[in-house]
Amino acid sequence: MPFPRIHIRSMDTRWGSCLPQKAIITLNRHLLEMPVSCIDMIIENVKTVALRRFA
């Protein structure tokens, strides 16, 4: 998977999502209010899902 572009936007029901075919990771803007450890966990989860989908 190429290095993904990161998009930040308001999301109603998710903390993050991925589009591996377009190499885009989208994160909920409300994550910016969370502790860094929570942000890291969400990003790792989104990356894992992206890698599984891409494989």
Protein backbone atom coordinates (compact mmCIF):
# COMPACT_ATOMS: atom_id res chain seq x y z
CA MET A 1 0.00 0.00 0.00
CA PRO A 2 1.44 3.41 -0.91
CA PHE A 3 1.82 6.08 1.74
CA PRO A 4 -1.79 7.19 2.36
CA ARG A 5 -3.19 10.68 2.19
CA ILE A 6 -4.85 11.70 5.46
CA HIS A 7 -8.18 13.50 5.40
CA ILE A 8 -9.80 15.03 8.49
CA ARG A 9 -13.56 15.57 8.47
CA SER A 10 -16.64 15.42 10.66
CA MET A 11 -18.05 11.89 10.83
CA ASP A 12 -21.25 10.92 12.64
CA THR A 13 -20.70 7.23 13.33
CA ARG A 14 -16.99 6.39 12.86
CA TRP A 15 -13.64 7.40 14.26
CA GLY A 16 -11.93 6.61 10.98
CA SER A 17 -12.18 4.86 7.65
CA CYS A 18 -9.93 3.83 4.79
CA LEU A 19 -9.95 3.51 1.02
CA PRO A 20 -6.90 1.35 0.30
CA GLN A 21 -7.43 1.38 -3.47
CA LYS A 22 -7.10 5.19 -3.40
CA ALA A 23 -4.58 5.22 -0.49
CA ILE A 24 -6.77 7.51 1.63
CA ILE A 25 -7.28 7.37 5.40
CA THR A 26 -10.07 9.57 6.75
CA LEU A 27 -10.16 10.45 10.43
CA ASN A 28 -12.95 12.01 12.46
CA ARG A 29 -12.16 15.62 13.41
CA HIS A 30 -13.31 14.90 16.98
CA LEU A 31 -10.20 12.75 17.43
CA LEU A 32 -8.25 15.99 17.78
CA GLU A 33 -9.90 16.42 21.20
CA MET A 34 -8.84 12.95 22.39
CA PRO A 35 -5.63 11.92 24.17
CA VAL A 36 -2.75 11.02 21.86
CA SER A 37 -2.92 7.37 22.97
CA CYS A 38 -6.51 7.13 21.66
CA ILE A 39 -5.54 8.75 18.38
CA ASP A 40 -2.66 6.28 17.96
CA MET A 41 -4.96 3.34 18.63
CA ILE A 42 -7.53 4.51 16.05
CA ILE A 43 -4.86 5.13 13.40
CA GLU A 44 -3.33 1.68 13.98
CA ASN A 45 -6.77 0.09 13.66
CA VAL A 46 -7.55 1.94 10.42
CA LYS A 47 -4.13 0.97 9.00
CA THR A 48 -4.72 -2.68 9.91
CA VAL A 49 -8.10 -2.69 8.18
CA ALA A 50 -6.57 -1.01 5.13
CA LEU A 51 -3.80 -3.62 4.91
CA ARG A 52 -6.30 -6.48 5.20
CA ARG A 53 -8.48 -5.01 2.46
CA PHE A 54 -5.50 -4.33 0.22
CA ALA A 55 -4.06 -7.86 0.56
